[in-house]
């Protein structure tokens, strides 16, 4: 005879069969969805350093810079002029060079790139100033030709209409070899001049610019309290 199960076991088997017929095959409970995570912030990758060039900004600190270090801050991998920012200079002096960088303007912003400048004095006269300016702003409606972006201030006017819209990053290159200065903005040459010849009969602003005769000096940002950012700064010294 077949072995008889105790009553309790028989009831258990019957209940199991009924449950299976009523509800079908049991399935495991779904696993809870993982909690959403915040995507990491995108970080601007540094521009590749071309052969012969060296970086003059590490993307994190103002090491290697002097002057108004309190008026500038490093924000998102860029040197940014703050509301009180004035002149921030390289600790090192440069003579002939090829400088490449990117910059971002805010509406109405005014700054400048000083070249071959001493520590003291107005760089536009005791050195040279390459203008950095949102010259499209209505408050600059009455600019002189030598005050527009990229101009050698007071000496050589720049070609216009090559700035990108406010908030976008512009690419600029400044090549200084002797008295020959070339400025390239977003792939377009906007200044190509011999400043010695340009000042032979006096400069176009009618002022004295002894800095045109300087052979070397600091490179600097010439702030006017407006927010302007600079990044991917690299330089090649030309012999």
C-alpha atoms as a PDB file:
ATOM      1  CA  UNK A   1       0.000   0.000   0.000  1.00  0.00           C
ATOM      2  CA  UNK A   2       1.154   3.549  -0.605  1.00  0.00           C
ATOM      3  CA  UNK A   3       2.441   5.320   2.412  1.00  0.00           C
ATOM      4  CA  UNK A   4      -0.164   7.562   4.007  1.00  0.00           C
ATOM      5  CA  UNK A   5       0.812  11.112   4.971  1.00  0.00           C
ATOM      6  CA  UNK A   6      -0.265  12.509   8.252  1.00  0.00           C
ATOM      7  CA  UNK A   7      -3.365  14.692   8.074  1.00  0.00           C
ATOM      8  CA  UNK A   8      -1.415  17.916   8.538  1.00  0.00           C
ATOM      9  CA  UNK A   9       0.901  17.159   5.593  1.00  0.00           C
ATOM     10  CA  UNK A  10      -2.027  16.197   3.356  1.00  0.00           C
ATOM     11  CA  UNK A  11      -3.778  19.450   4.109  1.00  0.00           C
ATOM     12  CA  UNK A  12      -0.594  21.356   3.295  1.00  0.00           C
ATOM     13  CA  UNK A  13      -0.256  19.636  -0.110  1.00  0.00           C
ATOM     14  CA  UNK A  14      -3.883  20.284  -0.962  1.00  0.00           C
ATOM     15  CA  UNK A  15      -3.632  23.915  -0.012  1.00  0.00           C
ATOM     16  CA  UNK A  16      -0.464  24.300  -2.133  1.00  0.00           C
ATOM     17  CA  UNK A  17      -2.194  22.759  -5.181  1.00  0.00           C
ATOM     18  CA  UNK A  18      -5.218  25.035  -4.754  1.00  0.00           C
ATOM     19  CA  UNK A  19      -3.048  28.114  -4.397  1.00  0.00           C
ATOM     20  CA  UNK A  20      -1.080  27.215  -7.514  1.00  0.00           C
ATOM     21  CA  UNK A  21      -4.235  26.697  -9.561  1.00  0.00           C
ATOM     22  CA  UNK A  22      -5.803  29.911  -8.296  1.00  0.00           C
ATOM     23  CA  UNK A  23      -2.900  32.285  -8.708  1.00  0.00           C
ATOM     24  CA  UNK A  24      -0.492  30.617 -11.152  1.00  0.00           C
ATOM     25  CA  UNK A  25       3.212  30.297 -10.694  1.00  0.00           C
ATOM     26  CA  UNK A  26       4.518  32.698  -8.058  1.00  0.00           C
ATOM     27  CA  UNK A  27       7.086  35.263  -9.240  1.00  0.00           C
ATOM     28  CA  UNK A  28       9.732  36.979  -7.135  1.00  0.00           C
ATOM     29  CA  UNK A  29       9.050  40.546  -6.072  1.00  0.00           C
ATOM     30  CA  UNK A  30      10.728  43.114  -8.342  1.00  0.00           C
ATOM     31  CA  UNK A  31      13.936  44.660  -7.060  1.00  0.00           C
ATOM     32  CA  UNK A  32      13.647  48.314  -6.055  1.00  0.00           C
ATOM     33  CA  UNK A  33      14.988  50.826  -8.567  1.00  0.00           C
ATOM     34  CA  UNK A  34      18.317  52.369  -7.537  1.00  0.00           C
ATOM     35  CA  UNK A  35      18.079  55.925  -6.238  1.00  0.00           C
ATOM     36  CA  UNK A  36      18.766  58.505  -8.945  1.00  0.00           C
ATOM     37  CA  UNK A  37      22.217  60.040  -8.857  1.00  0.00           C
ATOM     38  CA  UNK A  38      23.199  63.596  -9.757  1.00  0.00           C
ATOM     39  CA  UNK A  39      25.281  63.603 -12.952  1.00  0.00           C
ATOM     40  CA  UNK A  40      28.779  64.976 -12.444  1.00  0.00           C
ATOM     41  CA  UNK A  41      29.354  68.570 -13.541  1.00  0.00           C
ATOM     42  CA  UNK A  42      31.125  68.861 -16.839  1.00  0.00           C
ATOM     43  CA  UNK A  43      34.647  70.162 -16.479  1.00  0.00           C
ATOM     44  CA  UNK A  44      36.286  72.102 -19.270  1.00  0.00           C
ATOM     45  CA  UNK A  45      39.147  70.014 -20.593  1.00  0.00           C
ATOM     46  CA  UNK A  46      42.322  72.066 -20.904  1.00  0.00           C
ATOM     47  CA  UNK A  47      43.391  72.908 -24.431  1.00  0.00           C
ATOM     48  CA  UNK A  48      46.286  70.838 -25.709  1.00  0.00           C
ATOM     49  CA  UNK A  49      49.636  72.580 -25.383  1.00  0.00           C
ATOM     50  CA  UNK A  50      51.210  73.062 -28.784  1.00  0.00           C
ATOM     51  CA  UNK A  51      54.858  72.181 -29.332  1.00  0.00           C
ATOM     52  CA  UNK A  52      57.090  74.982 -28.082  1.00  0.00           C
ATOM     53  CA  UNK A  53      54.407  76.502 -25.845  1.00  0.00           C
ATOM     54  CA  UNK A  54      54.150  76.404 -22.055  1.00  0.00           C
ATOM     55  CA  UNK A  55      51.137  77.052 -19.841  1.00  0.00           C
ATOM     56  CA  UNK A  56      51.207  80.206 -17.694  1.00  0.00           C
ATOM     57  CA  UNK A  57      48.063  79.273 -15.721  1.00  0.00           C
ATOM     58  CA  UNK A  58      47.557  75.942 -13.969  1.00  0.00           C
ATOM     59  CA  UNK A  59      43.756  76.202 -14.056  1.00  0.00           C
ATOM     60  CA  UNK A  60      43.502  76.069 -10.250  1.00  0.00           C
ATOM     61  CA  UNK A  61      45.564  78.818  -8.608  1.00  0.00           C
ATOM     62  CA  UNK A  62      47.187  82.182  -9.294  1.00  0.00           C
ATOM     63  CA  UNK A  63      50.653  80.762  -8.793  1.00  0.00           C
ATOM     64  CA  UNK A  64      53.053  82.589 -11.111  1.00  0.00           C
ATOM     65  CA  UNK A  65      50.965  85.776 -11.027  1.00  0.00           C
ATOM     66  CA  UNK A  66      51.493  88.963  -9.033  1.00  0.00           C
ATOM     67  CA  UNK A  67      49.859  92.347  -8.537  1.00  0.00           C
ATOM     68  CA  UNK A  68      46.154  92.501  -7.695  1.00  0.00           C
ATOM     69  CA  UNK A  69      45.697  88.844  -6.726  1.00  0.00           C
ATOM     70  CA  UNK A  70      42.745  89.801  -4.491  1.00  0.00           C
ATOM     71  CA  UNK A  71      40.864  91.328  -7.415  1.00  0.00           C
ATOM     72  CA  UNK A  72      40.847  88.075  -9.395  1.00  0.00           C
ATOM     73  CA  UNK A  73      39.675  84.540  -8.626  1.00  0.00           C
ATOM     74  CA  UNK A  74      39.922  81.145 -10.279  1.00  0.00           C
ATOM     75  CA  UNK A  75      36.406  80.051 -11.280  1.00  0.00           C
ATOM     76  CA  UNK A  76      35.680  76.890 -13.285  1.00  0.00           C
ATOM     77  CA  UNK A  77      39.245  76.708 -14.558  1.00  0.00           C
ATOM     78  CA  UNK A  78      39.451  80.362 -15.595  1.00  0.00           C
ATOM     79  CA  UNK A  79      41.030  83.511 -14.168  1.00  0.00           C
ATOM     80  CA  UNK A  80      38.098  85.855 -13.541  1.00  0.00           C
ATOM     81  CA  UNK A  81      38.246  89.581 -12.847  1.00  0.00           C
ATOM     82  CA  UNK A  82      36.090  90.499  -9.859  1.00  0.00           C
ATOM     83  CA  UNK A  83      34.220  93.732  -9.121  1.00  0.00           C
ATOM     84  CA  UNK A  84      37.319  95.392  -7.651  1.00  0.00           C
ATOM     85  CA  UNK A  85      39.860  93.845 -10.023  1.00  0.00           C
ATOM     86  CA  UNK A  86      42.631  95.991 -11.505  1.00  0.00           C
ATOM     87  CA  UNK A  87      46.050  94.788 -12.784  1.00  0.00           C
ATOM     88  CA  UNK A  88      47.135  91.147 -12.467  1.00  0.00           C
ATOM     89  CA  UNK A  89      50.606  90.485 -13.898  1.00  0.00           C
ATOM     90  CA  UNK A  90      52.799  87.537 -14.737  1.00  0.00           C
ATOM     91  CA  UNK A  91      55.669  87.261 -12.287  1.00  0.00           C
ATOM     92  CA  UNK A  92      57.948  86.626 -15.251  1.00  0.00           C
ATOM     93  CA  UNK A  93      58.904  89.177 -17.896  1.00  0.00           C
ATOM     94  CA  UNK A  94      58.664  88.457 -21.621  1.00  0.00           C
ATOM     95  CA  UNK A  95      60.277  90.096 -24.641  1.00  0.00           C
ATOM     96  CA  UNK A  96      59.213  88.541 -27.967  1.00  0.00           C
ATOM     97  CA  UNK A  97      56.446  85.973 -27.648  1.00  0.00           C
ATOM     98  CA  UNK A  98      53.383  84.252 -29.056  1.00  0.00           C
ATOM     99  CA  UNK A  99      50.539  84.293 -26.498  1.00  0.00           C
ATOM    100  CA  UNK A 100      47.368  82.221 -26.967  1.00  0.00           C
ATOM    101  CA  UNK A 101      44.301  82.262 -24.730  1.00  0.00           C
ATOM    102  CA  UNK A 102      40.507  82.256 -24.551  1.00  0.00           C
ATOM    103  CA  UNK A 103      38.346  84.931 -22.964  1.00  0.00           C
ATOM    104  CA  UNK A 104      34.679  85.406 -22.102  1.00  0.00           C
ATOM    105  CA  UNK A 105      33.018  88.812 -21.859  1.00  0.00           C
ATOM    106  CA  UNK A 106      29.985  89.872 -19.877  1.00  0.00           C
ATOM    107  CA  UNK A 107      27.704  92.644 -21.101  1.00  0.00           C
ATOM    108  CA  UNK A 108      29.534  95.973 -21.251  1.00  0.00           C
ATOM    109  CA  UNK A 109      32.755  94.533 -19.800  1.00  0.00           C
ATOM    110  CA  UNK A 110      36.090  96.324 -20.143  1.00  0.00           C
ATOM    111  CA  UNK A 111      39.562  94.849 -19.572  1.00  0.00           C
ATOM    112  CA  UNK A 112      42.844  94.703 -21.437  1.00  0.00           C
ATOM    113  CA  UNK A 113      45.976  92.668 -22.064  1.00  0.00           C
ATOM    114  CA  UNK A 114      49.096  94.530 -21.028  1.00  0.00           C
ATOM    115  CA  UNK A 115      52.307  93.538 -22.789  1.00  0.00           C
ATOM    116  CA  UNK A 116      55.920  94.535 -22.047  1.00  0.00           C
ATOM    117  CA  UNK A 117      54.603  96.522 -19.123  1.00  0.00           C
ATOM    118  CA  UNK A 118      56.366  97.527 -15.884  1.00  0.00           C
ATOM    119  CA  UNK A 119      54.747  96.921 -12.510  1.00  0.00           C
ATOM    120  CA  UNK A 120      53.804 100.571 -11.990  1.00  0.00           C
ATOM    121  CA  UNK A 121      52.054 103.016 -14.270  1.00  0.00           C
ATOM    122  CA  UNK A 122      49.288 102.944 -16.871  1.00  0.00           C
ATOM    123  CA  UNK A 123      50.061  99.974 -19.129  1.00  0.00           C
ATOM    124  CA  UNK A 124      48.494 101.677 -22.154  1.00  0.00           C
ATOM    125  CA  UNK A 125      51.328 104.220 -22.084  1.00  0.00           C
ATOM    126  CA  UNK A 126      54.267 102.776 -20.123  1.00  0.00           C
ATOM    127  CA  UNK A 127      53.801  99.429 -21.874  1.00  0.00           C
ATOM    128  CA  UNK A 128      51.208  98.483 -24.482  1.00  0.00           C
ATOM    129  CA  UNK A 129      47.553  97.598 -23.950  1.00  0.00           C
ATOM    130  CA  UNK A 130      45.587  95.318 -26.259  1.00  0.00           C
ATOM    131  CA  UNK A 131      41.995  96.316 -25.616  1.00  0.00           C
ATOM    132  CA  UNK A 132      39.485  93.716 -24.323  1.00  0.00           C
ATOM    133  CA  UNK A 133      36.013  95.185 -24.591  1.00  0.00           C
ATOM    134  CA  UNK A 134      32.355  94.514 -25.297  1.00  0.00           C
ATOM    135  CA  UNK A 135      32.301  97.377 -27.764  1.00  0.00           C
ATOM    136  CA  UNK A 136      28.764  96.451 -28.873  1.00  0.00           C
ATOM    137  CA  UNK A 137      27.293  97.840 -25.643  1.00  0.00           C
ATOM    138  CA  UNK A 138      25.344 101.124 -26.016  1.00  0.00           C
ATOM    139  CA  UNK A 139      27.515 102.869 -23.420  1.00  0.00           C
ATOM    140  CA  UNK A 140      30.427 102.623 -25.871  1.00  0.00           C
ATOM    141  CA  UNK A 141      28.584 104.294 -28.737  1.00  0.00           C
ATOM    142  CA  UNK A 142      31.156 107.095 -28.957  1.00  0.00           C
ATOM    143  CA  UNK A 143      34.374 105.073 -28.961  1.00  0.00           C
ATOM    144  CA  UNK A 144      37.421 106.289 -30.822  1.00  0.00           C
ATOM    145  CA  UNK A 145      38.711 103.843 -33.501  1.00  0.00           C
ATOM    146  CA  UNK A 146      41.699 102.919 -31.321  1.00  0.00           C
ATOM    147  CA  UNK A 147      39.475 101.961 -28.368  1.00  0.00           C
ATOM    148  CA  UNK A 148      37.654  99.000 -29.950  1.00  0.00           C
ATOM    149  CA  UNK A 149      38.405  95.434 -28.942  1.00  0.00           C
ATOM    150  CA  UNK A 150      41.827  94.201 -30.041  1.00  0.00           C
ATOM    151  CA  UNK A 151      43.228  97.661 -30.724  1.00  0.00           C
ATOM    152  CA  UNK A 152      46.643  98.657 -29.433  1.00  0.00           C
ATOM    153  CA  UNK A 153      45.181 101.349 -27.225  1.00  0.00           C
ATOM    154  CA  UNK A 154      45.834 104.828 -28.568  1.00  0.00           C
ATOM    155  CA  UNK A 155      48.166 103.566 -31.280  1.00  0.00           C
ATOM    156  CA  UNK A 156      46.636 101.093 -33.780  1.00  0.00           C
ATOM    157  CA  UNK A 157      42.901 100.521 -34.374  1.00  0.00           C
ATOM    158  CA  UNK A 158      41.663  96.945 -34.832  1.00  0.00           C
ATOM    159  CA  UNK A 159      39.376  95.510 -37.472  1.00  0.00           C
ATOM    160  CA  UNK A 160      35.901  94.979 -36.034  1.00  0.00           C
ATOM    161  CA  UNK A 161      32.989  92.530 -36.071  1.00  0.00           C
ATOM    162  CA  UNK A 162      34.875  89.378 -35.089  1.00  0.00           C
ATOM    163  CA  UNK A 163      33.812  89.038 -31.447  1.00  0.00           C
ATOM    164  CA  UNK A 164      31.452  86.195 -30.590  1.00  0.00           C
ATOM    165  CA  UNK A 165      28.135  86.899 -28.806  1.00  0.00           C
ATOM    166  CA  UNK A 166      28.342  87.797 -25.130  1.00  0.00           C
ATOM    167  CA  UNK A 167      28.791  84.709 -22.948  1.00  0.00           C
ATOM    168  CA  UNK A 168      30.609  82.668 -25.590  1.00  0.00           C
ATOM    169  CA  UNK A 169      34.331  81.955 -25.404  1.00  0.00           C
ATOM    170  CA  UNK A 170      36.563  83.827 -27.845  1.00  0.00           C
ATOM    171  CA  UNK A 171      40.007  82.660 -28.971  1.00  0.00           C
ATOM    172  CA  UNK A 172      42.769  85.243 -29.251  1.00  0.00           C
ATOM    173  CA  UNK A 173      46.460  85.237 -30.096  1.00  0.00           C
ATOM    174  CA  UNK A 174      48.967  88.056 -29.633  1.00  0.00           C
ATOM    175  CA  UNK A 175      52.333  87.813 -31.384  1.00  0.00           C
ATOM    176  CA  UNK A 176      54.992  90.358 -30.420  1.00  0.00           C
ATOM    177  CA  UNK A 177      58.261  90.300 -32.302  1.00  0.00           C
ATOM    178  CA  UNK A 178      60.300  93.457 -31.946  1.00  0.00           C
ATOM    179  CA  UNK A 179      58.080  96.394 -32.874  1.00  0.00           C
ATOM    180  CA  UNK A 180      55.773  94.167 -34.934  1.00  0.00           C
ATOM    181  CA  UNK A 181      52.534  93.308 -33.135  1.00  0.00           C
ATOM    182  CA  UNK A 182      49.906  90.969 -34.540  1.00  0.00           C
ATOM    183  CA  UNK A 183      46.519  90.233 -32.951  1.00  0.00           C
ATOM    184  CA  UNK A 184      44.345  87.334 -34.150  1.00  0.00           C
ATOM    185  CA  UNK A 185      40.740  87.056 -32.928  1.00  0.00           C
ATOM    186  CA  UNK A 186      38.744  83.887 -33.613  1.00  0.00           C
ATOM    187  CA  UNK A 187      40.952  83.070 -36.594  1.00  0.00           C
ATOM    188  CA  UNK A 188      40.898  86.569 -38.099  1.00  0.00           C
ATOM    189  CA  UNK A 189      43.864  88.957 -38.050  1.00  0.00           C
ATOM    190  CA  UNK A 190      42.539  92.223 -36.623  1.00  0.00           C
ATOM    191  CA  UNK A 191      45.874  94.021 -36.013  1.00  0.00           C
ATOM    192  CA  UNK A 192      49.103  93.625 -37.974  1.00  0.00           C
ATOM    193  CA  UNK A 193      51.318  96.630 -37.398  1.00  0.00           C
ATOM    194  CA  UNK A 194      54.777  97.954 -36.730  1.00  0.00           C
ATOM    195  CA  UNK A 195      54.174 100.202 -33.719  1.00  0.00           C
ATOM    196  CA  UNK A 196      57.425 102.069 -34.229  1.00  0.00           C
ATOM    197  CA  UNK A 197      56.317 103.152 -37.693  1.00  0.00           C
ATOM    198  CA  UNK A 198      52.777 103.821 -36.463  1.00  0.00           C
ATOM    199  CA  UNK A 199      54.129 106.366 -33.981  1.00  0.00           C
ATOM    200  CA  UNK A 200      56.674 108.030 -36.293  1.00  0.00           C
ATOM    201  CA  UNK A 201      54.574 111.185 -36.676  1.00  0.00           C
ATOM    202  CA  UNK A 202      52.885 110.841 -33.297  1.00  0.00           C
ATOM    203  CA  UNK A 203      50.271 108.381 -32.121  1.00  0.00           C
ATOM    204  CA  UNK A 204      46.653 108.712 -33.218  1.00  0.00           C
ATOM    205  CA  UNK A 205      45.500 109.620 -29.716  1.00  0.00           C
ATOM    206  CA  UNK A 206      48.031 112.467 -29.594  1.00  0.00           C
ATOM    207  CA  UNK A 207      49.663 111.199 -26.386  1.00  0.00           C
ATOM    208  CA  UNK A 208      53.134 110.027 -25.504  1.00  0.00           C
ATOM    209  CA  UNK A 209      53.576 106.237 -25.442  1.00  0.00           C
ATOM    210  CA  UNK A 210      57.096 105.527 -24.170  1.00  0.00           C
ATOM    211  CA  UNK A 211      56.116 101.892 -23.687  1.00  0.00           C
ATOM    212  CA  UNK A 212      56.269 101.344 -27.447  1.00  0.00           C
ATOM    213  CA  UNK A 213      60.038 101.365 -27.103  1.00  0.00           C
ATOM    214  CA  UNK A 214      60.223  98.824 -24.294  1.00  0.00           C
ATOM    215  CA  UNK A 215      61.953  95.576 -25.210  1.00  0.00           C
ATOM    216  CA  UNK A 216      60.432  93.395 -22.474  1.00  0.00           C
ATOM    217  CA  UNK A 217      58.095  93.450 -19.508  1.00  0.00           C
ATOM    218  CA  UNK A 218      55.210  91.710 -17.811  1.00  0.00           C
ATOM    219  CA  UNK A 219      52.023  90.418 -19.418  1.00  0.00           C
ATOM    220  CA  UNK A 220      48.906  91.360 -17.489  1.00  0.00           C
ATOM    221  CA  UNK A 221      45.145  91.628 -17.235  1.00  0.00           C
ATOM    222  CA  UNK A 222      44.065  95.264 -16.879  1.00  0.00           C
ATOM    223  CA  UNK A 223      40.760  95.133 -15.042  1.00  0.00           C
ATOM    224  CA  UNK A 224      38.196  97.891 -14.645  1.00  0.00           C
ATOM    225  CA  UNK A 225      35.943  96.106 -12.168  1.00  0.00           C
ATOM    226  CA  UNK A 226      33.983  94.221 -14.846  1.00  0.00           C
ATOM    227  CA  UNK A 227      33.654  90.439 -14.961  1.00  0.00           C
ATOM    228  CA  UNK A 228      35.873  89.006 -17.696  1.00  0.00           C
ATOM    229  CA  UNK A 229      37.292  85.468 -17.642  1.00  0.00           C
ATOM    230  CA  UNK A 230      40.471  84.076 -19.212  1.00  0.00           C
ATOM    231  CA  UNK A 231      41.530  80.445 -19.638  1.00  0.00           C
ATOM    232  CA  UNK A 232      43.910  78.122 -21.507  1.00  0.00           C
ATOM    233  CA  UNK A 233      46.752  80.639 -21.368  1.00  0.00           C
ATOM    234  CA  UNK A 234      49.961  79.430 -23.008  1.00  0.00           C
ATOM    235  CA  UNK A 235      52.990  81.186 -24.408  1.00  0.00           C
ATOM    236  CA  UNK A 236      55.979  80.559 -26.626  1.00  0.00           C
ATOM    237  CA  UNK A 237      58.999  82.785 -26.258  1.00  0.00           C
ATOM    238  CA  UNK A 238      60.437  83.814 -29.638  1.00  0.00           C
ATOM    239  CA  UNK A 239      64.190  84.152 -30.065  1.00  0.00           C
END
